[in-house]
Each structure stands twice: as structure tokens, then as C-alpha cells.
Amino acid sequence: MHHDIAPEDHDDQAPPPDQTETQPDFDSRTALDEPVRPVNWNILTAAEAQVEWQDLDAWVDWLRHTYGLPPAVIPPLWHRHDELVWELSALHLHWLNSYNPESSASAPLTWHRDFAEAQKRLREWVATSGTKLDRDRPTRQTIWSGETPAQPGAETVITDRNADFVQFVLTDVAARLRIEDKVHGQAS
């Protein structure tokens, strides 16, 4: 479900009246209003990241409900795993482009073919990461010769996915703001 991270007026993004309370509030009609551009999560500003996180979260929630995807494909804490963020973000952009009114009529078929392939990758990455419906841990990293071994992250119980997402985004945005402040401070 879409979660506002900062207090803003989102009345223009209200879900259509025919949606039930259990369905996510992703509205593809508003998502297609702007041109699709690639999202490079490594270089987003804090403001851009906040918008992208909210958009991606709403779309992922819509996707998992629409296609009945199990947590073996999209786990609750997908946002804590870079490999899942990049794949889901690419799928989201591909979907937006495929369903853009200017796209070819066959573009949705291409998206579905690519989505089927992506589900295989998602399953593999979810299995490798160890994240599950009720528990999560950081994705384990293979250490190459000469690298300092990282301490494996502890497994945690998922008690409130939505609260975790909000806190995750707030932390990500704050980290990006610190980088921006540092860069602006050096430029002065």
C-alpha cells in the first residue's frame, strides 16, 4: 500500500471509487502522465529518491496483488535488498513504457514475456537473500580473496512491513541529504 513519507497534499492521487480497501492504491492513469526515464538509484537526490520510493512501493504492491505473487517472488521487505530494488524498478519502468498510450499495441505482450523472465530472477535472488514472509536478513555477500569479511547480518522478525518501509525511506533520504549537504559545503 502506498505510504506518504512526508506530510503533503495528495488529494489528486485518491484511488478510484471502485477499489476495495484491500487493494493497493496504485493508479496507472496518473503514473503515465510524465515521460518515463531510467532510474539510477545510485545518483538520485533526496527529493527524487523519496518520490521514486513511493512510486515504486505503490506499483510493487499493485503488482503483487494483481498477479497474486507469493513472497518467494516479492517478499515484504524487498526494499531492503538492492538486487530486488533494481529488478523491480526496471520492471516498473518497462511496464510504464509498455502501457504508455504512445507505445505499440504489442508492447504489453513484450512486458509480460519479460515479466515471466524477471520472476525467475526474482525467485533466485529472494532465495539467495534469505528474506521471507515473516523474517528478513541482509543479503549475504561472497568475500573475494583479499577482501575484509563482513559480519553476517542478523535475521529479524517482520512485525510491521509498512512501518519498516517508511523508516527505511526516511533513513535513505536523510543519508542522501547528508551527501548533498557535504557536496554543497565543498562547493562553497
N, C-alpha and C. Protein backbone atom coordinates (compact mmCIF):
# COMPACT_ATOMS: atom_id res chain seq x y z
N MET A 1 0.84 -1.17 0.00
CA MET A 1 0.00 0.00 0.00
C MET A 1 0.88 1.23 0.00
N HIS A 2 0.49 2.26 -0.68
CA HIS A 2 1.24 3.50 -0.81
C HIS A 2 1.27 4.23 0.53
N HIS A 3 2.44 4.69 0.93
CA HIS A 3 2.60 5.38 2.21
C HIS A 3 3.24 6.72 1.98
N ASP A 4 2.63 7.77 2.47
CA ASP A 4 3.23 9.08 2.39
C ASP A 4 4.34 9.17 3.42
N ILE A 5 5.49 9.59 2.97
CA ILE A 5 6.64 9.68 3.84
C ILE A 5 6.70 11.06 4.48
N ALA A 6 6.31 12.06 3.75
CA ALA A 6 6.29 13.42 4.28
C ALA A 6 4.88 13.96 4.17
N PRO A 7 4.51 14.84 5.09
CA PRO A 7 3.15 15.38 5.01
C PRO A 7 3.01 16.27 3.79
N GLU A 8 2.22 15.81 2.84
CA GLU A 8 1.94 16.56 1.62
C GLU A 8 0.49 16.35 1.27
N ASP A 9 -0.04 17.20 0.43
CA ASP A 9 -1.42 17.07 -0.01
C ASP A 9 -1.46 16.17 -1.23
N HIS A 10 -2.07 14.99 -1.09
CA HIS A 10 -2.15 14.04 -2.18
C HIS A 10 -3.60 13.78 -2.58
N ASP A 11 -4.48 14.75 -2.42
CA ASP A 11 -5.88 14.55 -2.76
C ASP A 11 -6.07 14.20 -4.23
N ASP A 12 -5.18 14.70 -5.09
CA ASP A 12 -5.31 14.42 -6.52
C ASP A 12 -4.91 12.99 -6.86
N GLN A 13 -4.40 12.23 -5.89
CA GLN A 13 -4.00 10.85 -6.14
C GLN A 13 -4.92 9.87 -5.44
N ALA A 14 -6.12 10.26 -5.14
CA ALA A 14 -7.06 9.37 -4.46
C ALA A 14 -7.39 8.18 -5.35
N PRO A 15 -7.55 6.99 -4.74
CA PRO A 15 -7.87 5.82 -5.55
C PRO A 15 -9.27 5.93 -6.15
N PRO A 16 -9.48 5.27 -7.28
CA PRO A 16 -10.81 5.30 -7.89
C PRO A 16 -11.84 4.70 -6.93
N PRO A 17 -13.10 5.14 -7.01
CA PRO A 17 -14.10 4.69 -6.06
C PRO A 17 -14.37 3.20 -6.10
N ASP A 18 -14.03 2.49 -7.18
CA ASP A 18 -14.34 1.08 -7.27
C ASP A 18 -13.29 0.19 -6.59
N GLN A 19 -12.21 0.76 -6.06
CA GLN A 19 -11.20 -0.05 -5.39
C GLN A 19 -11.66 -0.41 -3.99
N THR A 20 -11.36 -1.64 -3.59
CA THR A 20 -11.69 -2.05 -2.23
C THR A 20 -10.56 -1.67 -1.30
N GLU A 21 -10.80 -1.73 -0.01
CA GLU A 21 -9.78 -1.36 0.96
C GLU A 21 -8.57 -2.28 0.91
N THR A 22 -8.74 -3.51 0.45
CA THR A 22 -7.63 -4.46 0.44
C THR A 22 -6.73 -4.30 -0.77
N GLN A 23 -7.14 -3.56 -1.77
CA GLN A 23 -6.32 -3.40 -2.95
C GLN A 23 -5.42 -2.17 -2.79
N PRO A 24 -4.21 -2.24 -3.35
CA PRO A 24 -3.30 -1.10 -3.26
C PRO A 24 -3.85 0.10 -4.03
N ASP A 25 -3.35 1.28 -3.67
CA ASP A 25 -3.87 2.49 -4.29
C ASP A 25 -3.00 3.00 -5.44
N PHE A 26 -2.36 2.10 -6.17
CA PHE A 26 -1.60 2.47 -7.36
C PHE A 26 -2.60 2.80 -8.46
N ASP A 27 -2.45 3.95 -9.07
CA ASP A 27 -3.36 4.37 -10.13
C ASP A 27 -2.55 4.59 -11.39
N SER A 28 -2.64 3.65 -12.34
CA SER A 28 -1.83 3.71 -13.54
C SER A 28 -2.15 4.94 -14.39
N ARG A 29 -3.32 5.50 -14.24
CA ARG A 29 -3.65 6.67 -15.05
C ARG A 29 -2.77 7.86 -14.68
N THR A 30 -2.49 8.05 -13.39
CA THR A 30 -1.63 9.17 -13.01
C THR A 30 -0.17 8.84 -13.26
N ALA A 31 0.20 7.55 -13.21
CA ALA A 31 1.59 7.16 -13.40
C ALA A 31 2.07 7.43 -14.82
N LEU A 32 1.17 7.49 -15.78
CA LEU A 32 1.57 7.67 -17.17
C LEU A 32 1.60 9.13 -17.61
N ASP A 33 1.36 10.06 -16.68
CA ASP A 33 1.31 11.47 -17.04
C ASP A 33 2.67 12.07 -17.37
N GLU A 34 3.74 11.48 -16.84
CA GLU A 34 5.08 12.03 -17.06
C GLU A 34 5.88 11.09 -17.95
N PRO A 35 6.86 11.63 -18.69
CA PRO A 35 7.70 10.76 -19.53
C PRO A 35 8.48 9.77 -18.67
N VAL A 36 8.68 8.57 -19.20
CA VAL A 36 9.43 7.54 -18.49
C VAL A 36 10.92 7.79 -18.71
N ARG A 37 11.67 7.74 -17.63
CA ARG A 37 13.12 7.90 -17.72
C ARG A 37 13.76 6.84 -16.85
N PRO A 38 14.96 6.40 -17.20
CA PRO A 38 15.64 5.41 -16.36
C PRO A 38 15.88 5.95 -14.96
N VAL A 39 15.84 5.08 -13.97
CA VAL A 39 16.11 5.46 -12.59
C VAL A 39 17.42 4.82 -12.18
N ASN A 40 18.40 5.65 -11.89
CA ASN A 40 19.67 5.19 -11.36
C ASN A 40 19.67 5.49 -9.87
N TRP A 41 19.39 4.49 -9.05
CA TRP A 41 19.26 4.67 -7.61
C TRP A 41 20.53 5.20 -6.98
N ASN A 42 21.67 5.02 -7.63
CA ASN A 42 22.94 5.49 -7.06
C ASN A 42 23.10 7.00 -7.10
N ILE A 43 22.38 7.68 -7.98
CA ILE A 43 22.62 9.12 -8.14
C ILE A 43 21.38 9.99 -7.87
N LEU A 44 20.31 9.39 -7.37
CA LEU A 44 19.12 10.18 -7.10
C LEU A 44 19.37 11.16 -5.96
N THR A 45 18.79 12.35 -6.08
CA THR A 45 18.83 13.28 -4.97
C THR A 45 17.86 12.78 -3.90
N ALA A 46 17.90 13.40 -2.74
CA ALA A 46 16.98 13.02 -1.66
C ALA A 46 15.53 13.18 -2.10
N ALA A 47 15.23 14.30 -2.72
CA ALA A 47 13.85 14.57 -3.16
C ALA A 47 13.42 13.57 -4.24
N GLU A 48 14.31 13.28 -5.18
CA GLU A 48 13.99 12.31 -6.23
C GLU A 48 13.79 10.92 -5.64
N ALA A 49 14.65 10.55 -4.70
CA ALA A 49 14.56 9.22 -4.09
C ALA A 49 13.23 9.06 -3.35
N GLN A 50 12.83 10.07 -2.64
CA GLN A 50 11.57 9.98 -1.89
C GLN A 50 10.40 9.70 -2.83
N VAL A 51 10.35 10.41 -3.95
CA VAL A 51 9.28 10.21 -4.94
C VAL A 51 9.39 8.83 -5.56
N GLU A 52 10.60 8.43 -5.95
CA GLU A 52 10.79 7.12 -6.59
C GLU A 52 10.43 5.98 -5.65
N TRP A 53 10.83 6.08 -4.37
CA TRP A 53 10.48 5.03 -3.41
C TRP A 53 8.97 4.89 -3.28
N GLN A 54 8.29 6.01 -3.16
CA GLN A 54 6.83 5.96 -3.00
C GLN A 54 6.16 5.38 -4.25
N ASP A 55 6.60 5.83 -5.42
CA ASP A 55 6.03 5.32 -6.67
C ASP A 55 6.29 3.83 -6.83
N LEU A 56 7.54 3.41 -6.56
CA LEU A 56 7.88 2.01 -6.73
C LEU A 56 7.13 1.14 -5.72
N ASP A 57 7.02 1.59 -4.49
CA ASP A 57 6.30 0.83 -3.48
C ASP A 57 4.84 0.63 -3.87
N ALA A 58 4.21 1.70 -4.33
CA ALA A 58 2.80 1.60 -4.75
C ALA A 58 2.66 0.63 -5.92
N TRP A 59 3.57 0.71 -6.88
CA TRP A 59 3.49 -0.17 -8.04
C TRP A 59 3.76 -1.63 -7.66
N VAL A 60 4.76 -1.87 -6.82
CA VAL A 60 5.07 -3.23 -6.39
C VAL A 60 3.87 -3.82 -5.65
N ASP A 61 3.24 -3.04 -4.81
CA ASP A 61 2.05 -3.52 -4.09
C ASP A 61 0.94 -3.86 -5.08
N TRP A 62 0.73 -2.99 -6.07
CA TRP A 62 -0.26 -3.26 -7.12
C TRP A 62 0.10 -4.55 -7.88
N LEU A 63 1.38 -4.68 -8.23
CA LEU A 63 1.84 -5.83 -9.00
C LEU A 63 1.61 -7.13 -8.24
N ARG A 64 1.98 -7.17 -6.98
CA ARG A 64 1.86 -8.42 -6.23
C ARG A 64 0.41 -8.81 -6.01
N HIS A 65 -0.48 -7.80 -5.85
CA HIS A 65 -1.90 -8.10 -5.72
C HIS A 65 -2.52 -8.51 -7.05
N THR A 66 -2.20 -7.78 -8.10
CA THR A 66 -2.78 -8.04 -9.42
C THR A 66 -2.41 -9.43 -9.93
N TYR A 67 -1.17 -9.84 -9.73
CA TYR A 67 -0.70 -11.12 -10.26
C TYR A 67 -0.63 -12.21 -9.19
N GLY A 68 -1.08 -11.93 -7.97
CA GLY A 68 -1.08 -12.93 -6.91
C GLY A 68 0.30 -13.50 -6.64
N LEU A 69 1.31 -12.63 -6.60
CA LEU A 69 2.69 -13.09 -6.46
C LEU A 69 3.00 -13.48 -5.02
N PRO A 70 3.63 -14.63 -4.84
CA PRO A 70 4.00 -15.07 -3.49
C PRO A 70 5.24 -14.35 -2.98
N PRO A 71 5.51 -14.44 -1.68
CA PRO A 71 6.71 -13.80 -1.13
C PRO A 71 8.01 -14.41 -1.65
N ALA A 72 7.94 -15.56 -2.30
CA ALA A 72 9.13 -16.13 -2.93
C ALA A 72 9.53 -15.33 -4.17
N VAL A 73 8.62 -14.50 -4.67
CA VAL A 73 8.90 -13.62 -5.82
C VAL A 73 9.07 -12.18 -5.33
N ILE A 74 8.14 -11.70 -4.54
CA ILE A 74 8.23 -10.36 -3.96
C ILE A 74 7.97 -10.47 -2.46
N PRO A 75 9.04 -10.45 -1.67
CA PRO A 75 8.88 -10.52 -0.23
C PRO A 75 8.51 -9.16 0.36
N PRO A 76 7.99 -9.13 1.58
CA PRO A 76 7.57 -7.87 2.18
C PRO A 76 8.68 -6.81 2.26
N LEU A 77 9.89 -7.23 2.58
CA LEU A 77 10.98 -6.26 2.73
C LEU A 77 11.89 -6.22 1.51
N TRP A 78 11.28 -6.29 0.33
CA TRP A 78 12.05 -6.21 -0.92
C TRP A 78 12.90 -4.95 -0.96
N HIS A 79 12.43 -3.89 -0.34
CA HIS A 79 13.13 -2.60 -0.39
C HIS A 79 14.49 -2.64 0.32
N ARG A 80 14.73 -3.63 1.13
CA ARG A 80 16.00 -3.75 1.86
C ARG A 80 17.04 -4.56 1.09
N HIS A 81 16.72 -4.96 -0.13
CA HIS A 81 17.62 -5.80 -0.92
C HIS A 81 17.85 -5.15 -2.27
N ASP A 82 19.06 -4.64 -2.47
CA ASP A 82 19.39 -3.90 -3.69
C ASP A 82 19.05 -4.67 -4.96
N GLU A 83 19.34 -5.97 -4.97
CA GLU A 83 19.09 -6.76 -6.17
C GLU A 83 17.60 -6.77 -6.52
N LEU A 84 16.75 -6.76 -5.53
CA LEU A 84 15.30 -6.74 -5.77
C LEU A 84 14.84 -5.33 -6.17
N VAL A 85 15.42 -4.32 -5.55
CA VAL A 85 15.06 -2.93 -5.90
C VAL A 85 15.36 -2.65 -7.36
N TRP A 86 16.56 -3.02 -7.81
CA TRP A 86 16.95 -2.75 -9.20
C TRP A 86 16.05 -3.50 -10.18
N GLU A 87 15.76 -4.76 -9.89
CA GLU A 87 14.92 -5.56 -10.80
C GLU A 87 13.49 -5.01 -10.83
N LEU A 88 12.93 -4.75 -9.66
CA LEU A 88 11.55 -4.25 -9.61
C LEU A 88 11.45 -2.85 -10.21
N SER A 89 12.46 -2.04 -10.01
CA SER A 89 12.47 -0.71 -10.60
C SER A 89 12.50 -0.79 -12.13
N ALA A 90 13.32 -1.69 -12.66
CA ALA A 90 13.38 -1.87 -14.11
C ALA A 90 12.06 -2.39 -14.66
N LEU A 91 11.44 -3.32 -13.95
CA LEU A 91 10.13 -3.83 -14.36
C LEU A 91 9.08 -2.73 -14.36
N HIS A 92 9.14 -1.89 -13.33
CA HIS A 92 8.19 -0.77 -13.22
C HIS A 92 8.32 0.16 -14.42
N LEU A 93 9.55 0.54 -14.75
CA LEU A 93 9.77 1.43 -15.89
C LEU A 93 9.35 0.77 -17.20
N HIS A 94 9.64 -0.51 -17.32
CA HIS A 94 9.25 -1.25 -18.52
C HIS A 94 7.72 -1.28 -18.64
N TRP A 95 7.05 -1.49 -17.51
CA TRP A 95 5.58 -1.51 -17.50
C TRP A 95 5.03 -0.13 -17.90
N LEU A 96 5.59 0.93 -17.31
CA LEU A 96 5.13 2.28 -17.64
C LEU A 96 5.29 2.56 -19.13
N ASN A 97 6.43 2.17 -19.68
CA ASN A 97 6.68 2.37 -21.10
C ASN A 97 5.75 1.52 -21.96
N SER A 98 5.52 0.29 -21.54
CA SER A 98 4.67 -0.63 -22.32
C SER A 98 3.21 -0.20 -22.36
N TYR A 99 2.76 0.41 -21.29
CA TYR A 99 1.36 0.83 -21.23
C TYR A 99 1.17 2.33 -21.49
N ASN A 100 2.21 2.97 -21.97
CA ASN A 100 2.11 4.37 -22.38
C ASN A 100 1.24 4.43 -23.63
N PRO A 101 0.31 5.38 -23.71
CA PRO A 101 -0.56 5.47 -24.89
C PRO A 101 0.19 5.61 -26.21
N GLU A 102 1.42 6.08 -26.16
CA GLU A 102 2.22 6.24 -27.38
C GLU A 102 2.94 4.94 -27.79
N SER A 103 2.90 3.92 -26.95
CA SER A 103 3.61 2.67 -27.23
C SER A 103 2.85 1.83 -28.24
N SER A 104 3.56 0.86 -28.77
CA SER A 104 2.96 -0.11 -29.70
C SER A 104 1.89 -0.92 -28.98
N ALA A 105 0.90 -1.35 -29.73
CA ALA A 105 -0.17 -2.17 -29.16
C ALA A 105 0.35 -3.52 -28.67
N SER A 106 1.49 -3.96 -29.18
CA SER A 106 2.05 -5.24 -28.74
C SER A 106 3.02 -5.08 -27.55
N ALA A 107 3.27 -3.87 -27.13
CA ALA A 107 4.21 -3.64 -26.02
C ALA A 107 3.81 -4.37 -24.73
N PRO A 108 2.52 -4.41 -24.37
CA PRO A 108 2.16 -5.17 -23.16
C PRO A 108 2.52 -6.65 -23.24
N LEU A 109 2.44 -7.25 -24.43
CA LEU A 109 2.85 -8.65 -24.56
C LEU A 109 4.34 -8.81 -24.30
N THR A 110 5.12 -7.87 -24.80
CA THR A 110 6.56 -7.89 -24.55
C THR A 110 6.83 -7.76 -23.06
N TRP A 111 6.09 -6.86 -22.40
CA TRP A 111 6.27 -6.70 -20.95
C TRP A 111 5.96 -8.01 -20.23
N HIS A 112 4.88 -8.68 -20.59
CA HIS A 112 4.53 -9.93 -19.92
C HIS A 112 5.58 -11.01 -20.16
N ARG A 113 6.15 -11.07 -21.35
CA ARG A 113 7.22 -12.03 -21.61
C ARG A 113 8.42 -11.71 -20.71
N ASP A 114 8.79 -10.45 -20.67
CA ASP A 114 9.92 -10.04 -19.84
C ASP A 114 9.62 -10.22 -18.35
N PHE A 115 8.37 -10.00 -17.96
CA PHE A 115 7.95 -10.20 -16.58
C PHE A 115 8.10 -11.66 -16.17
N ALA A 116 7.76 -12.57 -17.05
CA ALA A 116 7.92 -14.00 -16.76
C ALA A 116 9.40 -14.33 -16.51
N GLU A 117 10.29 -13.77 -17.33
CA GLU A 117 11.72 -13.98 -17.13
C GLU A 117 12.20 -13.34 -15.84
N ALA A 118 11.69 -12.15 -15.55
CA ALA A 118 12.09 -11.45 -14.33
C ALA A 118 11.66 -12.20 -13.08
N GLN A 119 10.51 -12.86 -13.13
CA GLN A 119 10.06 -13.62 -11.97
C GLN A 119 11.05 -14.73 -11.61
N LYS A 120 11.67 -15.33 -12.61
CA LYS A 120 12.68 -16.36 -12.36
C LYS A 120 13.87 -15.75 -11.62
N ARG A 121 14.32 -14.59 -12.08
CA ARG A 121 15.44 -13.91 -11.41
C ARG A 121 15.05 -13.50 -10.00
N LEU A 122 13.85 -12.95 -9.84
CA LEU A 122 13.39 -12.54 -8.51
C LEU A 122 13.37 -13.73 -7.55
N ARG A 123 12.85 -14.87 -8.00
CA ARG A 123 12.83 -16.07 -7.15
C ARG A 123 14.24 -16.46 -6.72
N GLU A 124 15.17 -16.41 -7.66
CA GLU A 124 16.55 -16.78 -7.36
C GLU A 124 17.16 -15.82 -6.34
N TRP A 125 16.94 -14.52 -6.55
CA TRP A 125 17.52 -13.53 -5.64
C TRP A 125 16.86 -13.58 -4.26
N VAL A 126 15.57 -13.83 -4.22
CA VAL A 126 14.89 -13.95 -2.92
C VAL A 126 15.45 -15.16 -2.17
N ALA A 127 15.62 -16.28 -2.86
CA ALA A 127 16.18 -17.48 -2.23
C ALA A 127 17.59 -17.22 -1.73
N THR A 128 18.40 -16.55 -2.53
CA THR A 128 19.78 -16.25 -2.15
C THR A 128 19.83 -15.28 -0.98
N SER A 129 18.96 -14.29 -1.00
CA SER A 129 18.99 -13.26 0.05
C SER A 129 18.53 -13.82 1.39
N GLY A 130 17.63 -14.76 1.38
CA GLY A 130 17.13 -15.33 2.63
C GLY A 130 15.95 -14.59 3.21
N THR A 131 15.44 -13.58 2.52
CA THR A 131 14.28 -12.87 3.03
C THR A 131 13.03 -13.72 2.82
N LYS A 132 12.12 -13.65 3.77
CA LYS A 132 10.91 -14.48 3.72
C LYS A 132 9.70 -13.64 4.09
N LEU A 133 8.56 -14.26 4.15
CA LEU A 133 7.32 -13.57 4.50
C LEU A 133 7.38 -12.98 5.90
N ASP A 134 7.95 -13.71 6.85
CA ASP A 134 7.92 -13.27 8.25
C ASP A 134 9.28 -12.91 8.83
N ARG A 135 10.36 -13.14 8.07
CA ARG A 135 11.71 -12.85 8.56
C ARG A 135 12.54 -12.25 7.43
N ASP A 136 13.56 -11.50 7.84
CA ASP A 136 14.45 -10.89 6.86
C ASP A 136 15.86 -10.85 7.43
N ARG A 137 16.81 -10.88 6.53
CA ARG A 137 18.21 -10.67 6.88
C ARG A 137 18.88 -10.03 5.68
N PRO A 138 19.97 -9.30 5.92
CA PRO A 138 20.69 -8.71 4.78
C PRO A 138 21.18 -9.81 3.84
N THR A 139 21.21 -9.50 2.56
CA THR A 139 21.72 -10.45 1.57
C THR A 139 23.18 -10.75 1.90
N ARG A 140 23.50 -12.02 1.95
CA ARG A 140 24.87 -12.42 2.24
C ARG A 140 25.75 -12.13 1.03
N GLN A 141 26.94 -11.67 1.31
CA GLN A 141 27.89 -11.32 0.26
C GLN A 141 29.04 -12.32 0.24
N THR A 142 29.44 -12.72 -0.94
CA THR A 142 30.60 -13.58 -1.10
C THR A 142 31.85 -12.70 -1.00
N ILE A 143 32.77 -13.12 -0.15
CA ILE A 143 34.01 -12.36 0.04
C ILE A 143 35.08 -12.94 -0.87
N TRP A 144 35.67 -12.07 -1.66
CA TRP A 144 36.76 -12.49 -2.53
C TRP A 144 38.08 -12.47 -1.77
N SER A 145 39.04 -13.19 -2.30
CA SER A 145 40.37 -13.23 -1.70
C SER A 145 40.90 -11.81 -1.54
N GLY A 146 41.37 -11.51 -0.32
CA GLY A 146 41.94 -10.19 -0.05
C GLY A 146 40.95 -9.18 0.50
N GLU A 147 39.66 -9.50 0.44
CA GLU A 147 38.65 -8.58 0.99
C GLU A 147 38.44 -8.86 2.48
N THR A 148 38.07 -7.81 3.19
CA THR A 148 37.76 -7.96 4.60
C THR A 148 36.38 -8.58 4.75
N PRO A 149 36.30 -9.68 5.50
CA PRO A 149 34.99 -10.32 5.67
C PRO A 149 34.02 -9.40 6.41
N ALA A 150 32.81 -9.35 5.91
CA ALA A 150 31.76 -8.58 6.58
C ALA A 150 31.04 -9.49 7.57
N GLN A 151 30.59 -8.90 8.65
CA GLN A 151 29.82 -9.67 9.62
C GLN A 151 28.46 -9.97 9.02
N PRO A 152 28.01 -11.22 9.07
CA PRO A 152 26.68 -11.52 8.53
C PRO A 152 25.60 -10.82 9.36
N GLY A 153 24.63 -10.27 8.67
CA GLY A 153 23.54 -9.58 9.35
C GLY A 153 22.63 -10.57 10.05
N ALA A 154 22.08 -10.13 11.14
CA ALA A 154 21.17 -10.97 11.91
C ALA A 154 19.80 -11.03 11.25
N GLU A 155 19.16 -12.17 11.40
CA GLU A 155 17.79 -12.32 10.91
C GLU A 155 16.85 -11.62 11.89
N THR A 156 15.89 -10.88 11.34
CA THR A 156 14.93 -10.18 12.18
C THR A 156 13.52 -10.61 11.80
N VAL A 157 12.63 -10.54 12.76
CA VAL A 157 11.23 -10.86 12.53
C VAL A 157 10.55 -9.62 11.95
N ILE A 158 9.72 -9.82 10.96
CA ILE A 158 8.99 -8.71 10.35
C ILE A 158 7.70 -8.53 11.14
N THR A 159 7.59 -7.40 11.83
CA THR A 159 6.39 -7.15 12.64
C THR A 159 5.44 -6.15 11.98
N ASP A 160 6.00 -5.19 11.23
CA ASP A 160 5.17 -4.17 10.58
C ASP A 160 5.87 -3.72 9.31
N ARG A 161 5.54 -4.34 8.20
CA ARG A 161 6.19 -4.05 6.93
C ARG A 161 6.06 -2.58 6.55
N ASN A 162 4.89 -2.01 6.73
CA ASN A 162 4.67 -0.62 6.32
C ASN A 162 5.53 0.34 7.14
N ALA A 163 5.59 0.14 8.44
CA ALA A 163 6.44 0.98 9.28
C ALA A 163 7.91 0.82 8.89
N ASP A 164 8.32 -0.41 8.58
CA ASP A 164 9.69 -0.65 8.15
C ASP A 164 10.00 0.11 6.87
N PHE A 165 9.06 0.08 5.92
CA PHE A 165 9.28 0.79 4.66
C PHE A 165 9.43 2.29 4.90
N VAL A 166 8.54 2.86 5.69
CA VAL A 166 8.60 4.30 5.97
C VAL A 166 9.93 4.65 6.62
N GLN A 167 10.35 3.89 7.63
CA GLN A 167 11.62 4.16 8.30
C GLN A 167 12.79 4.00 7.35
N PHE A 168 12.75 2.98 6.50
CA PHE A 168 13.81 2.74 5.52
C PHE A 168 13.96 3.95 4.59
N VAL A 169 12.83 4.45 4.08
CA VAL A 169 12.88 5.59 3.16
C VAL A 169 13.37 6.84 3.89
N LEU A 170 12.90 7.07 5.09
CA LEU A 170 13.36 8.23 5.86
C LEU A 170 14.87 8.17 6.06
N THR A 171 15.38 7.00 6.38
CA THR A 171 16.83 6.82 6.57
C THR A 171 17.58 7.04 5.26
N ASP A 172 17.06 6.50 4.16
CA ASP A 172 17.69 6.67 2.86
C ASP A 172 17.71 8.15 2.45
N VAL A 173 16.60 8.82 2.61
CA VAL A 173 16.51 10.23 2.24
C VAL A 173 17.46 11.07 3.11
N ALA A 174 17.51 10.77 4.41
CA ALA A 174 18.41 11.51 5.30
C ALA A 174 19.88 11.31 4.89
N ALA A 175 20.25 10.09 4.51
CA ALA A 175 21.62 9.82 4.07
C ALA A 175 21.93 10.60 2.79
N ARG A 176 20.97 10.65 1.88
CA ARG A 176 21.18 11.41 0.64
C ARG A 176 21.30 12.91 0.93
N LEU A 177 20.51 13.41 1.88
CA LEU A 177 20.60 14.82 2.26
C LEU A 177 21.97 15.15 2.85
N ARG A 178 22.51 14.25 3.67
CA ARG A 178 23.86 14.47 4.24
C ARG A 178 24.90 14.55 3.13
N ILE A 179 24.78 13.68 2.13
CA ILE A 179 25.72 13.72 1.00
C ILE A 179 25.56 15.02 0.23
N GLU A 180 24.32 15.42 -0.02
CA GLU A 180 24.07 16.68 -0.73
C GLU A 180 24.64 17.86 0.04
N ASP A 181 24.44 17.88 1.36
CA ASP A 181 24.97 18.97 2.19
C ASP A 181 26.48 19.00 2.13
N LYS A 182 27.12 17.82 2.17
CA LYS A 182 28.56 17.75 2.10
C LYS A 182 29.07 18.27 0.76
N VAL A 183 28.42 17.87 -0.32
CA VAL A 183 28.83 18.32 -1.66
C VAL A 183 28.63 19.83 -1.79
N HIS A 184 27.49 20.32 -1.32
CA HIS A 184 27.24 21.78 -1.40
C HIS A 184 28.19 22.55 -0.51
N GLY A 185 28.58 21.96 0.63
CA GLY A 185 29.53 22.62 1.53
C GLY A 185 30.91 22.73 0.91
N GLN A 186 31.31 21.70 0.16
CA GLN A 186 32.60 21.70 -0.51
C GLN A 186 32.62 22.66 -1.70
N ALA A 187 31.45 22.87 -2.30
CA ALA A 187 31.36 23.74 -3.47
C ALA A 187 31.37 25.21 -3.08
N SER A 188 31.08 25.50 -1.82
CA SER A 188 31.02 26.91 -1.38
C SER A 188 32.37 27.48 -1.09
